[in-house]
Amino acid sequence: MSQKRALVTGGAGFLGSHLCDALLAEGYAVIAVDNLLTGRRPNLDHLRNEPRFEFRKLDINEPFDCGPVDYVFHFASPASPVDYTVHGIDTLKVGSLGTFHALEVARKYGAKYLVSSTSECYGDPLEHPQKETYWGHVNPIGPRSVYDEAKRFTEAVTMAYHRYHKVDTRIVRIFNTYGPRMQLNDGRVVPNFMKQALRGEPLTVYGDGKQTRSFCYVSDEIEGFIRLSKSSEHLPVNIGNPTEFTILECAQHVLAVTGSKSAIKYEPLPQDDPKQRRPDITKARTLLGWEPKIDLEAGLRLSLDYFRKALQEETARA
């Protein structure tokens, strides 16, 4: 039997690059495609001499074809508040045009397909914790809408290809994930706090800090993706850590792990910032036998060396 090939769009990104590693470990040959708008080539440098790995720089907002593949993992999209605010039009394009093109590849070659969606589909939720059956509470014209609605449309297109073209699809809704290979300046909670703590700067907390998030370490998240990819579930599945923290509690964990004496400073809460976020992972537990193993403090400790090195490199470039 010939070796199976997997295509990963957004393969040079934070999650995409970790997914490439996991698929190689599963025995796939892997093609990563990325236009490097927000992805980073250094995330894949450790695979330069891996004969089963190939990187192609291309824009999936244009039709593309990398040859026969057995699996398409569509992970291309700006994902951090800084990135999707700056690249709002590109975010909408990759969630629409890019999704059509990735699905056409899967359709052409009879490949299985898994797309990364997001907890942002739930918006500022009125249901807590959030089950996959919840339709969400999203502002379709607010500043976050370029990301939220791109992902909601991505899900709609994916289900349409499943229903009309019989493409074998899966949808993962990702909750706050963190770990090595995140960009220092991407605007998400953990990199922000880590960078500020390691510099001895005040940690920026928006609002009163009582809004909540549920943080999942990257290796747990990737394991969930792999398990979902092997399942036959076509409807969305939450993959995230159901342990809920306030933003202030997260800041305190970062201070403990880094040993920093940084103070806390408060800034106004951004528009449409969710007040609470926590996945109901009953479906993942039941269908996939999956749940996260690494708690927040352990994950922060596992991430510390990466953030320290990234900050040193940034300082050296300055």
C-alpha atoms as a PDB file:
ATOM      1  CA  MET A   1       0.000   0.000   0.000  1.00  0.00           C
ATOM      2  CA  SER A   2       1.409   3.413  -0.946  1.00  0.00           C
ATOM      3  CA  GLN A   3       2.093   5.974   1.765  1.00  0.00           C
ATOM      4  CA  LYS A   4      -0.822   8.233   2.586  1.00  0.00           C
ATOM      5  CA  ARG A   5      -0.448  11.969   1.872  1.00  0.00           C
ATOM      6  CA  ALA A   6      -1.902  14.778   3.964  1.00  0.00           C
ATOM      7  CA  LEU A   7      -2.248  18.402   2.880  1.00  0.00           C
ATOM      8  CA  VAL A   8      -2.174  21.067   5.609  1.00  0.00           C
ATOM      9  CA  THR A   9      -3.213  24.592   4.662  1.00  0.00           C
ATOM     10  CA  GLY A  10      -1.772  27.205   7.004  1.00  0.00           C
ATOM     11  CA  GLY A  11       0.986  24.692   7.694  1.00  0.00           C
ATOM     12  CA  ALA A  12       3.514  27.320   8.814  1.00  0.00           C
ATOM     13  CA  GLY A  13       1.204  28.683  11.507  1.00  0.00           C
ATOM     14  CA  PHE A  14       1.136  27.931  15.221  1.00  0.00           C
ATOM     15  CA  LEU A  15      -1.341  25.042  15.124  1.00  0.00           C
ATOM     16  CA  GLY A  16      -0.638  24.090  11.510  1.00  0.00           C
ATOM     17  CA  SER A  17       3.044  23.421  12.155  1.00  0.00           C
ATOM     18  CA  HIS A  18       2.303  21.290  15.229  1.00  0.00           C
ATOM     19  CA  LEU A  19      -0.271  19.400  13.168  1.00  0.00           C
ATOM     20  CA  CYS A  20       2.377  18.694  10.506  1.00  0.00           C
ATOM     21  CA  ASP A  21       4.575  17.141  13.212  1.00  0.00           C
ATOM     22  CA  ALA A  22       1.711  14.985  14.470  1.00  0.00           C
ATOM     23  CA  LEU A  23       0.764  13.774  10.986  1.00  0.00           C
ATOM     24  CA  LEU A  24       4.355  12.830  10.231  1.00  0.00           C
ATOM     25  CA  ALA A  25       4.376  10.866  13.501  1.00  0.00           C
ATOM     26  CA  GLU A  26       1.184   9.142  12.310  1.00  0.00           C
ATOM     27  CA  GLY A  27       3.060   7.967   9.191  1.00  0.00           C
ATOM     28  CA  TYR A  28       1.738  10.433   6.609  1.00  0.00           C
ATOM     29  CA  ALA A  29       3.722  12.213   3.967  1.00  0.00           C
ATOM     30  CA  VAL A  30       2.829  15.869   4.544  1.00  0.00           C
ATOM     31  CA  ILE A  31       2.524  18.845   2.209  1.00  0.00           C
ATOM     32  CA  ALA A  32       2.255  22.163   4.053  1.00  0.00           C
ATOM     33  CA  VAL A  33       0.999  25.158   2.106  1.00  0.00           C
ATOM     34  CA  ASP A  34       1.049  28.713   3.434  1.00  0.00           C
ATOM     35  CA  ASN A  35       1.282  32.204   1.954  1.00  0.00           C
ATOM     36  CA  LEU A  36       3.214  33.318   5.082  1.00  0.00           C
ATOM     37  CA  LEU A  37       0.854  36.228   5.747  1.00  0.00           C
ATOM     38  CA  THR A  38       0.834  35.263   9.435  1.00  0.00           C
ATOM     39  CA  GLY A  39       2.553  31.870   9.285  1.00  0.00           C
ATOM     40  CA  ARG A  40       6.282  31.700   9.905  1.00  0.00           C
ATOM     41  CA  ARG A  41       8.753  29.598   7.952  1.00  0.00           C
ATOM     42  CA  PRO A  42      10.924  29.042  11.087  1.00  0.00           C
ATOM     43  CA  ASN A  43       8.025  27.027  12.578  1.00  0.00           C
ATOM     44  CA  LEU A  44       8.926  24.348  10.032  1.00  0.00           C
ATOM     45  CA  ASP A  45      12.718  24.654  10.007  1.00  0.00           C
ATOM     46  CA  HIS A  46      13.110  21.459  12.043  1.00  0.00           C
ATOM     47  CA  LEU A  47      11.525  19.528   9.144  1.00  0.00           C
ATOM     48  CA  ARG A  48      13.977  20.694   6.462  1.00  0.00           C
ATOM     49  CA  ASN A  49      15.646  17.285   6.224  1.00  0.00           C
ATOM     50  CA  GLU A  50      12.488  15.218   6.617  1.00  0.00           C
ATOM     51  CA  PRO A  51      12.025  13.380   3.277  1.00  0.00           C
ATOM     52  CA  ARG A  52       8.282  12.907   3.855  1.00  0.00           C
ATOM     53  CA  PHE A  53       7.687  16.634   4.279  1.00  0.00           C
ATOM     54  CA  GLU A  54       7.255  19.323   1.627  1.00  0.00           C
ATOM     55  CA  PHE A  55       6.519  23.039   1.996  1.00  0.00           C
ATOM     56  CA  ARG A  56       4.943  25.086  -0.775  1.00  0.00           C
ATOM     57  CA  LYS A  57       4.402  28.817  -0.545  1.00  0.00           C
ATOM     58  CA  LEU A  58       1.090  29.552  -2.205  1.00  0.00           C
ATOM     59  CA  ASP A  59      -2.125  31.493  -1.689  1.00  0.00           C
ATOM     60  CA  ILE A  60      -5.142  29.202  -1.349  1.00  0.00           C
ATOM     61  CA  ASN A  61      -7.466  32.100  -2.174  1.00  0.00           C
ATOM     62  CA  GLU A  62      -6.547  31.091  -5.734  1.00  0.00           C
ATOM     63  CA  PRO A  63      -7.375  27.583  -6.991  1.00  0.00           C
ATOM     64  CA  PHE A  64      -4.516  25.192  -6.228  1.00  0.00           C
ATOM     65  CA  ASP A  65      -3.607  21.540  -6.651  1.00  0.00           C
ATOM     66  CA  CYS A  66      -0.695  19.736  -4.989  1.00  0.00           C
ATOM     67  CA  GLY A  67      -1.552  16.382  -6.520  1.00  0.00           C
ATOM     68  CA  PRO A  68      -3.414  13.413  -5.031  1.00  0.00           C
ATOM     69  CA  VAL A  69      -3.909  13.512  -1.262  1.00  0.00           C
ATOM     70  CA  ASP A  70      -5.755  11.283   1.189  1.00  0.00           C
ATOM     71  CA  TYR A  71      -6.534  13.989   3.734  1.00  0.00           C
ATOM     72  CA  VAL A  72      -6.976  17.770   3.646  1.00  0.00           C
ATOM     73  CA  PHE A  73      -6.549  19.704   6.894  1.00  0.00           C
ATOM     74  CA  HIS A  74      -7.736  23.276   6.304  1.00  0.00           C
ATOM     75  CA  PHE A  75      -6.045  25.427   8.962  1.00  0.00           C
ATOM     76  CA  ALA A  76      -5.248  28.561   6.961  1.00  0.00           C
ATOM     77  CA  SER A  77      -6.506  31.768   8.580  1.00  0.00           C
ATOM     78  CA  PRO A  78      -5.247  34.677  10.634  1.00  0.00           C
ATOM     79  CA  ALA A  79      -6.341  33.652  14.138  1.00  0.00           C
ATOM     80  CA  SER A  80      -5.166  36.243  16.641  1.00  0.00           C
ATOM     81  CA  PRO A  81      -6.924  39.564  17.323  1.00  0.00           C
ATOM     82  CA  VAL A  82      -3.924  41.542  16.083  1.00  0.00           C
ATOM     83  CA  ASP A  83      -3.681  39.534  12.860  1.00  0.00           C
ATOM     84  CA  TYR A  84      -7.337  39.416  11.905  1.00  0.00           C
ATOM     85  CA  THR A  85      -7.813  43.089  12.760  1.00  0.00           C
ATOM     86  CA  VAL A  86      -4.938  44.088  10.464  1.00  0.00           C
ATOM     87  CA  HIS A  87      -5.784  41.501   7.795  1.00  0.00           C
ATOM     88  CA  GLY A  88      -9.579  41.565   7.990  1.00  0.00           C
ATOM     89  CA  ILE A  89     -10.252  41.228   4.251  1.00  0.00           C
ATOM     90  CA  ASP A  90      -7.710  38.397   3.927  1.00  0.00           C
ATOM     91  CA  THR A  91      -9.386  36.642   6.872  1.00  0.00           C
ATOM     92  CA  LEU A  92     -12.765  36.806   5.147  1.00  0.00           C
ATOM     93  CA  LYS A  93     -11.252  35.612   1.868  1.00  0.00           C
ATOM     94  CA  VAL A  94      -9.492  32.576   3.303  1.00  0.00           C
ATOM     95  CA  GLY A  95     -12.628  31.610   5.208  1.00  0.00           C
ATOM     96  CA  SER A  96     -14.662  31.753   2.001  1.00  0.00           C
ATOM     97  CA  LEU A  97     -12.578  31.420  -1.192  1.00  0.00           C
ATOM     98  CA  GLY A  98      -9.835  29.444   0.567  1.00  0.00           C
ATOM     99  CA  THR A  99     -12.386  27.047   2.022  1.00  0.00           C
ATOM    100  CA  PHE A 100     -14.002  26.431  -1.368  1.00  0.00           C
ATOM    101  CA  HIS A 101     -10.592  25.719  -2.901  1.00  0.00           C
ATOM    102  CA  ALA A 102      -9.502  23.380  -0.089  1.00  0.00           C
ATOM    103  CA  LEU A 103     -12.802  21.497  -0.328  1.00  0.00           C
ATOM    104  CA  GLU A 104     -12.427  21.222  -4.112  1.00  0.00           C
ATOM    105  CA  VAL A 105      -9.070  19.489  -3.565  1.00  0.00           C
ATOM    106  CA  ALA A 106     -10.733  17.018  -1.179  1.00  0.00           C
ATOM    107  CA  ARG A 107     -13.592  16.492  -3.639  1.00  0.00           C
ATOM    108  CA  LYS A 108     -11.293  15.954  -6.615  1.00  0.00           C
ATOM    109  CA  TYR A 109      -9.182  13.292  -4.918  1.00  0.00           C
ATOM    110  CA  GLY A 110     -11.837  11.701  -2.700  1.00  0.00           C
ATOM    111  CA  ALA A 111      -9.868  12.863   0.335  1.00  0.00           C
ATOM    112  CA  LYS A 112     -11.121  13.157   3.876  1.00  0.00           C
ATOM    113  CA  TYR A 113     -11.286  16.706   5.166  1.00  0.00           C
ATOM    114  CA  LEU A 114     -10.972  18.430   8.543  1.00  0.00           C
ATOM    115  CA  VAL A 115     -11.390  22.174   9.025  1.00  0.00           C
ATOM    116  CA  SER A 116     -10.394  24.330  11.973  1.00  0.00           C
ATOM    117  CA  SER A 117     -13.255  26.402  13.268  1.00  0.00           C
ATOM    118  CA  THR A 118     -13.376  28.338  16.514  1.00  0.00           C
ATOM    119  CA  SER A 119     -15.168  28.983  19.766  1.00  0.00           C
ATOM    120  CA  GLU A 120     -15.681  32.489  18.346  1.00  0.00           C
ATOM    121  CA  CYS A 121     -18.641  30.958  16.479  1.00  0.00           C
ATOM    122  CA  TYR A 122     -20.419  31.211  19.839  1.00  0.00           C
ATOM    123  CA  GLY A 123     -19.610  34.944  20.088  1.00  0.00           C
ATOM    124  CA  ASP A 124     -20.336  36.480  23.494  1.00  0.00           C
ATOM    125  CA  PRO A 125     -22.328  33.430  24.583  1.00  0.00           C
ATOM    126  CA  LEU A 126     -25.639  33.453  26.393  1.00  0.00           C
ATOM    127  CA  GLU A 127     -25.273  29.702  27.021  1.00  0.00           C
ATOM    128  CA  HIS A 128     -22.576  28.518  29.407  1.00  0.00           C
ATOM    129  CA  PRO A 129     -20.681  26.260  28.994  1.00  0.00           C
ATOM    130  CA  GLN A 130     -20.995  26.133  25.222  1.00  0.00           C
ATOM    131  CA  LYS A 131     -22.325  22.966  23.573  1.00  0.00           C
ATOM    132  CA  GLU A 132     -21.933  22.316  19.859  1.00  0.00           C
ATOM    133  CA  THR A 133     -25.717  22.639  19.487  1.00  0.00           C
ATOM    134  CA  TYR A 134     -25.618  26.300  20.604  1.00  0.00           C
ATOM    135  CA  TRP A 135     -26.038  28.665  17.625  1.00  0.00           C
ATOM    136  CA  GLY A 136     -24.163  31.539  19.195  1.00  0.00           C
ATOM    137  CA  HIS A 137     -24.561  35.230  19.996  1.00  0.00           C
ATOM    138  CA  VAL A 138     -22.389  36.997  17.418  1.00  0.00           C
ATOM    139  CA  ASN A 139     -22.265  40.590  16.199  1.00  0.00           C
ATOM    140  CA  PRO A 140     -22.079  40.138  12.397  1.00  0.00           C
ATOM    141  CA  ILE A 141     -20.843  43.698  11.736  1.00  0.00           C
ATOM    142  CA  GLY A 142     -18.549  44.357  14.717  1.00  0.00           C
ATOM    143  CA  PRO A 143     -14.738  44.556  14.645  1.00  0.00           C
ATOM    144  CA  ARG A 144     -14.429  40.828  15.446  1.00  0.00           C
ATOM    145  CA  SER A 145     -16.871  39.852  12.705  1.00  0.00           C
ATOM    146  CA  VAL A 146     -14.148  39.469  10.065  1.00  0.00           C
ATOM    147  CA  TYR A 147     -12.960  36.391  11.996  1.00  0.00           C
ATOM    148  CA  ASP A 148     -16.205  35.190  13.587  1.00  0.00           C
ATOM    149  CA  GLU A 149     -18.221  35.298  10.380  1.00  0.00           C
ATOM    150  CA  ALA A 150     -15.378  33.910   8.257  1.00  0.00           C
ATOM    151  CA  LYS A 151     -15.348  30.820  10.464  1.00  0.00           C
ATOM    152  CA  ARG A 152     -19.127  30.528  10.591  1.00  0.00           C
ATOM    153  CA  PHE A 153     -19.173  30.674   6.791  1.00  0.00           C
ATOM    154  CA  THR A 154     -16.356  28.108   6.682  1.00  0.00           C
ATOM    155  CA  GLU A 155     -18.577  25.727   8.644  1.00  0.00           C
ATOM    156  CA  ALA A 156     -21.530  26.389   6.322  1.00  0.00           C
ATOM    157  CA  VAL A 157     -19.476  25.665   3.187  1.00  0.00           C
ATOM    158  CA  THR A 158     -18.007  22.530   4.754  1.00  0.00           C
ATOM    159  CA  MET A 159     -21.447  21.153   5.618  1.00  0.00           C
ATOM    160  CA  ALA A 160     -22.714  22.055   2.136  1.00  0.00           C
ATOM    161  CA  TYR A 161     -19.909  20.056   0.491  1.00  0.00           C
ATOM    162  CA  HIS A 162     -20.718  17.164   2.799  1.00  0.00           C
ATOM    163  CA  ARG A 163     -24.437  17.282   1.985  1.00  0.00           C
ATOM    164  CA  TYR A 164     -24.304  18.076  -1.744  1.00  0.00           C
ATOM    165  CA  HIS A 165     -20.998  16.519  -2.845  1.00  0.00           C
ATOM    166  CA  LYS A 166     -20.648  13.761  -0.213  1.00  0.00           C
ATOM    167  CA  VAL A 167     -17.201  14.995   0.868  1.00  0.00           C
ATOM    168  CA  ASP A 168     -16.136  13.192   4.054  1.00  0.00           C
ATOM    169  CA  THR A 169     -15.812  16.251   6.314  1.00  0.00           C
ATOM    170  CA  ARG A 170     -15.088  17.085   9.958  1.00  0.00           C
ATOM    171  CA  ILE A 171     -15.278  20.398  11.855  1.00  0.00           C
ATOM    172  CA  VAL A 172     -13.276  21.168  14.997  1.00  0.00           C
ATOM    173  CA  ARG A 173     -14.191  24.180  17.145  1.00  0.00           C
ATOM    174  CA  ILE A 174     -10.979  25.273  18.832  1.00  0.00           C
ATOM    175  CA  PHE A 175     -10.940  27.021  22.199  1.00  0.00           C
ATOM    176  CA  ASN A 176      -8.060  29.174  23.504  1.00  0.00           C
ATOM    177  CA  THR A 177      -4.901  27.208  22.718  1.00  0.00           C
ATOM    178  CA  TYR A 178      -1.360  28.171  23.723  1.00  0.00           C
ATOM    179  CA  GLY A 179       2.193  26.872  23.643  1.00  0.00           C
ATOM    180  CA  PRO A 180       5.461  27.062  21.695  1.00  0.00           C
ATOM    181  CA  ARG A 181       5.454  28.698  18.229  1.00  0.00           C
ATOM    182  CA  MET A 182       2.899  31.363  19.121  1.00  0.00           C
ATOM    183  CA  GLN A 183       3.899  34.820  17.953  1.00  0.00           C
ATOM    184  CA  LEU A 184       4.974  37.114  20.765  1.00  0.00           C
ATOM    185  CA  ASN A 185       2.915  40.006  19.443  1.00  0.00           C
ATOM    186  CA  ASP A 186      -0.245  38.238  18.341  1.00  0.00           C
ATOM    187  CA  GLY A 187      -2.450  39.890  20.953  1.00  0.00           C
ATOM    188  CA  ARG A 188      -3.664  36.728  22.673  1.00  0.00           C
ATOM    189  CA  VAL A 189      -3.663  36.418  26.445  1.00  0.00           C
ATOM    190  CA  VAL A 190      -0.800  33.987  27.086  1.00  0.00           C
ATOM    191  CA  PRO A 191       1.840  35.521  24.760  1.00  0.00           C
ATOM    192  CA  ASN A 192       0.917  39.016  25.958  1.00  0.00           C
ATOM    193  CA  PHE A 193       1.303  38.072  29.618  1.00  0.00           C
ATOM    194  CA  MET A 194       4.454  36.002  29.052  1.00  0.00           C
ATOM    195  CA  LYS A 195       6.183  38.771  27.131  1.00  0.00           C
ATOM    196  CA  GLN A 196       5.242  41.449  29.673  1.00  0.00           C
ATOM    197  CA  ALA A 197       6.194  39.290  32.659  1.00  0.00           C
ATOM    198  CA  LEU A 198       9.578  38.315  31.198  1.00  0.00           C
ATOM    199  CA  ARG A 199      10.298  41.989  30.465  1.00  0.00           C
ATOM    200  CA  GLY A 200       9.223  43.048  33.940  1.00  0.00           C
ATOM    201  CA  GLU A 201       6.459  45.213  32.465  1.00  0.00           C
ATOM    202  CA  PRO A 202       2.948  45.522  33.907  1.00  0.00           C
ATOM    203  CA  LEU A 203       0.576  42.818  32.680  1.00  0.00           C
ATOM    204  CA  THR A 204      -2.269  44.367  30.662  1.00  0.00           C
ATOM    205  CA  VAL A 205      -5.698  43.201  31.778  1.00  0.00           C
ATOM    206  CA  TYR A 206      -8.724  44.421  29.834  1.00  0.00           C
ATOM    207  CA  GLY A 207     -11.881  45.325  31.716  1.00  0.00           C
ATOM    208  CA  ASP A 208     -11.975  44.131  35.326  1.00  0.00           C
ATOM    209  CA  GLY A 209     -10.224  40.844  34.508  1.00  0.00           C
ATOM    210  CA  LYS A 210     -13.211  38.778  35.609  1.00  0.00           C
ATOM    211  CA  GLN A 211     -14.030  37.629  32.080  1.00  0.00           C
ATOM    212  CA  THR A 212     -13.154  33.958  31.634  1.00  0.00           C
ATOM    213  CA  ARG A 213     -11.281  31.780  29.160  1.00  0.00           C
ATOM    214  CA  SER A 214     -10.438  28.072  29.013  1.00  0.00           C
ATOM    215  CA  PHE A 215      -6.824  27.432  28.040  1.00  0.00           C
ATOM    216  CA  CYS A 216      -5.744  24.235  26.263  1.00  0.00           C
ATOM    217  CA  TYR A 217      -2.071  23.315  25.832  1.00  0.00           C
ATOM    218  CA  VAL A 218      -1.131  22.709  22.209  1.00  0.00           C
ATOM    219  CA  SER A 219      -0.192  19.010  22.499  1.00  0.00           C
ATOM    220  CA  ASP A 220      -3.602  18.217  24.000  1.00  0.00           C
ATOM    221  CA  GLU A 221      -5.310  20.214  21.247  1.00  0.00           C
ATOM    222  CA  ILE A 222      -3.414  18.432  18.480  1.00  0.00           C
ATOM    223  CA  GLU A 223      -4.237  15.022  19.937  1.00  0.00           C
ATOM    224  CA  GLY A 224      -7.902  16.012  19.741  1.00  0.00           C
ATOM    225  CA  PHE A 225      -7.505  16.921  16.056  1.00  0.00           C
ATOM    226  CA  ILE A 226      -5.891  13.580  15.261  1.00  0.00           C
ATOM    227  CA  ARG A 227      -8.614  11.656  17.061  1.00  0.00           C
ATOM    228  CA  LEU A 228     -11.332  13.621  15.295  1.00  0.00           C
ATOM    229  CA  SER A 229      -9.635  13.022  11.947  1.00  0.00           C
ATOM    230  CA  LYS A 230     -10.004   9.262  12.512  1.00  0.00           C
ATOM    231  CA  SER A 231     -13.672   9.520  13.480  1.00  0.00           C
ATOM    232  CA  SER A 232     -16.748   9.550  11.263  1.00  0.00           C
ATOM    233  CA  GLU A 233     -18.360  12.597  12.949  1.00  0.00           C
ATOM    234  CA  HIS A 234     -19.406  15.292  10.480  1.00  0.00           C
ATOM    235  CA  LEU A 235     -20.978  17.825  12.828  1.00  0.00           C
ATOM    236  CA  PRO A 236     -18.805  20.256  14.856  1.00  0.00           C
ATOM    237  CA  VAL A 237     -16.851  18.998  17.866  1.00  0.00           C
ATOM    238  CA  ASN A 238     -15.473  21.236  20.632  1.00  0.00           C
ATOM    239  CA  ILE A 239     -11.801  20.579  21.369  1.00  0.00           C
ATOM    240  CA  GLY A 240     -10.664  22.642  24.340  1.00  0.00           C
ATOM    241  CA  ASN A 241      -9.977  22.552  28.051  1.00  0.00           C
ATOM    242  CA  PRO A 242     -13.164  22.788  30.157  1.00  0.00           C
ATOM    243  CA  THR A 243     -11.304  24.252  33.149  1.00  0.00           C
ATOM    244  CA  GLU A 244     -12.281  27.924  33.287  1.00  0.00           C
ATOM    245  CA  PHE A 245     -10.048  30.763  34.518  1.00  0.00           C
ATOM    246  CA  THR A 246     -10.596  34.469  34.876  1.00  0.00           C
ATOM    247  CA  ILE A 247      -8.079  36.592  33.012  1.00  0.00           C
ATOM    248  CA  LEU A 248      -6.757  37.777  36.386  1.00  0.00           C
ATOM    249  CA  GLU A 249      -6.192  34.164  37.461  1.00  0.00           C
ATOM    250  CA  CYS A 250      -4.278  33.517  34.237  1.00  0.00           C
ATOM    251  CA  ALA A 251      -2.110  36.569  34.939  1.00  0.00           C
ATOM    252  CA  GLN A 252      -1.348  35.246  38.417  1.00  0.00           C
ATOM    253  CA  HIS A 253      -0.302  31.863  36.992  1.00  0.00           C
ATOM    254  CA  VAL A 254       2.028  33.585  34.510  1.00  0.00           C
ATOM    255  CA  LEU A 255       3.607  35.614  37.318  1.00  0.00           C
ATOM    256  CA  ALA A 256       4.119  32.439  39.368  1.00  0.00           C
ATOM    257  CA  VAL A 257       5.702  30.504  36.485  1.00  0.00           C
ATOM    258  CA  THR A 258       8.001  33.331  35.346  1.00  0.00           C
ATOM    259  CA  GLY A 259       8.874  34.528  38.864  1.00  0.00           C
ATOM    260  CA  SER A 260       8.104  38.047  37.662  1.00  0.00           C
ATOM    261  CA  LYS A 261       7.237  40.878  40.069  1.00  0.00           C
ATOM    262  CA  SER A 262       5.233  42.714  37.400  1.00  0.00           C
ATOM    263  CA  ALA A 263       2.174  44.679  38.453  1.00  0.00           C
ATOM    264  CA  ILE A 264      -1.256  44.508  36.789  1.00  0.00           C
ATOM    265  CA  LYS A 265      -2.545  47.422  34.704  1.00  0.00           C
ATOM    266  CA  TYR A 266      -6.122  47.746  33.520  1.00  0.00           C
ATOM    267  CA  GLU A 267      -7.302  48.920  30.102  1.00  0.00           C
ATOM    268  CA  PRO A 268     -10.826  49.315  28.663  1.00  0.00           C
ATOM    269  CA  LEU A 269     -12.483  46.122  27.435  1.00  0.00           C
ATOM    270  CA  PRO A 270     -12.486  45.845  23.611  1.00  0.00           C
ATOM    271  CA  GLN A 271     -15.839  45.861  21.816  1.00  0.00           C
ATOM    272  CA  ASP A 272     -17.632  42.476  21.704  1.00  0.00           C
ATOM    273  CA  ASP A 273     -14.996  40.810  23.884  1.00  0.00           C
ATOM    274  CA  PRO A 274     -16.647  37.620  25.229  1.00  0.00           C
ATOM    275  CA  LYS A 275     -17.407  37.721  28.954  1.00  0.00           C
ATOM    276  CA  GLN A 276     -17.079  33.976  29.373  1.00  0.00           C
ATOM    277  CA  ARG A 277     -15.774  31.079  27.339  1.00  0.00           C
ATOM    278  CA  ARG A 278     -15.793  27.414  28.316  1.00  0.00           C
ATOM    279  CA  PRO A 279     -16.330  24.337  26.146  1.00  0.00           C
ATOM    280  CA  ASP A 280     -18.678  21.516  26.948  1.00  0.00           C
ATOM    281  CA  ILE A 281     -16.518  18.581  25.797  1.00  0.00           C
ATOM    282  CA  THR A 282     -19.027  15.804  26.465  1.00  0.00           C
ATOM    283  CA  LYS A 283     -19.083  15.035  22.745  1.00  0.00           C
ATOM    284  CA  ALA A 284     -15.283  14.793  22.470  1.00  0.00           C
ATOM    285  CA  ARG A 285     -15.133  12.573  25.566  1.00  0.00           C
ATOM    286  CA  THR A 286     -17.912  10.305  24.290  1.00  0.00           C
ATOM    287  CA  LEU A 287     -17.030  10.056  20.596  1.00  0.00           C
ATOM    288  CA  LEU A 288     -13.250  10.400  20.685  1.00  0.00           C
ATOM    289  CA  GLY A 289     -12.268   9.293  24.187  1.00  0.00           C
ATOM    290  CA  TRP A 290     -10.444  12.624  24.369  1.00  0.00           C
ATOM    291  CA  GLU A 291      -9.910  15.115  27.153  1.00  0.00           C
ATOM    292  CA  PRO A 292      -6.958  17.397  27.970  1.00  0.00           C
ATOM    293  CA  LYS A 293      -4.269  16.201  30.350  1.00  0.00           C
ATOM    294  CA  ILE A 294      -2.094  19.288  30.910  1.00  0.00           C
ATOM    295  CA  ASP A 295      -3.298  21.968  33.327  1.00  0.00           C
ATOM    296  CA  LEU A 296      -2.623  25.664  32.852  1.00  0.00           C
ATOM    297  CA  GLU A 297       0.378  26.024  35.134  1.00  0.00           C
ATOM    298  CA  ALA A 298       2.064  22.901  33.717  1.00  0.00           C
ATOM    299  CA  GLY A 299       1.447  24.146  30.167  1.00  0.00           C
ATOM    300  CA  LEU A 300       2.871  27.563  30.980  1.00  0.00           C
ATOM    301  CA  ARG A 301       5.996  25.895  32.373  1.00  0.00           C
ATOM    302  CA  LEU A 302       6.302  23.825  29.194  1.00  0.00           C
ATOM    303  CA  SER A 303       6.033  27.053  27.172  1.00  0.00           C
ATOM    304  CA  LEU A 304       8.412  29.191  29.219  1.00  0.00           C
ATOM    305  CA  ASP A 305      11.673  28.350  27.435  1.00  0.00           C
ATOM    306  CA  TYR A 306      10.104  29.057  24.054  1.00  0.00           C
ATOM    307  CA  PHE A 307       8.791  32.483  25.090  1.00  0.00           C
ATOM    308  CA  ARG A 308      12.080  33.364  26.770  1.00  0.00           C
ATOM    309  CA  LYS A 309      14.040  32.464  23.626  1.00  0.00           C
ATOM    310  CA  ALA A 310      11.560  34.283  21.349  1.00  0.00           C
ATOM    311  CA  LEU A 311      11.885  37.425  23.461  1.00  0.00           C
ATOM    312  CA  GLN A 312      15.709  37.219  23.318  1.00  0.00           C
ATOM    313  CA  GLU A 313      15.539  36.922  19.518  1.00  0.00           C
ATOM    314  CA  GLU A 314      13.162  39.869  19.274  1.00  0.00           C
ATOM    315  CA  THR A 315      15.435  41.964  21.499  1.00  0.00           C
ATOM    316  CA  ALA A 316      18.462  41.022  19.397  1.00  0.00           C
ATOM    317  CA  ARG A 317      16.682  42.146  16.202  1.00  0.00           C
ATOM    318  CA  ALA A 318      15.658  45.484  17.708  1.00  0.00           C
END
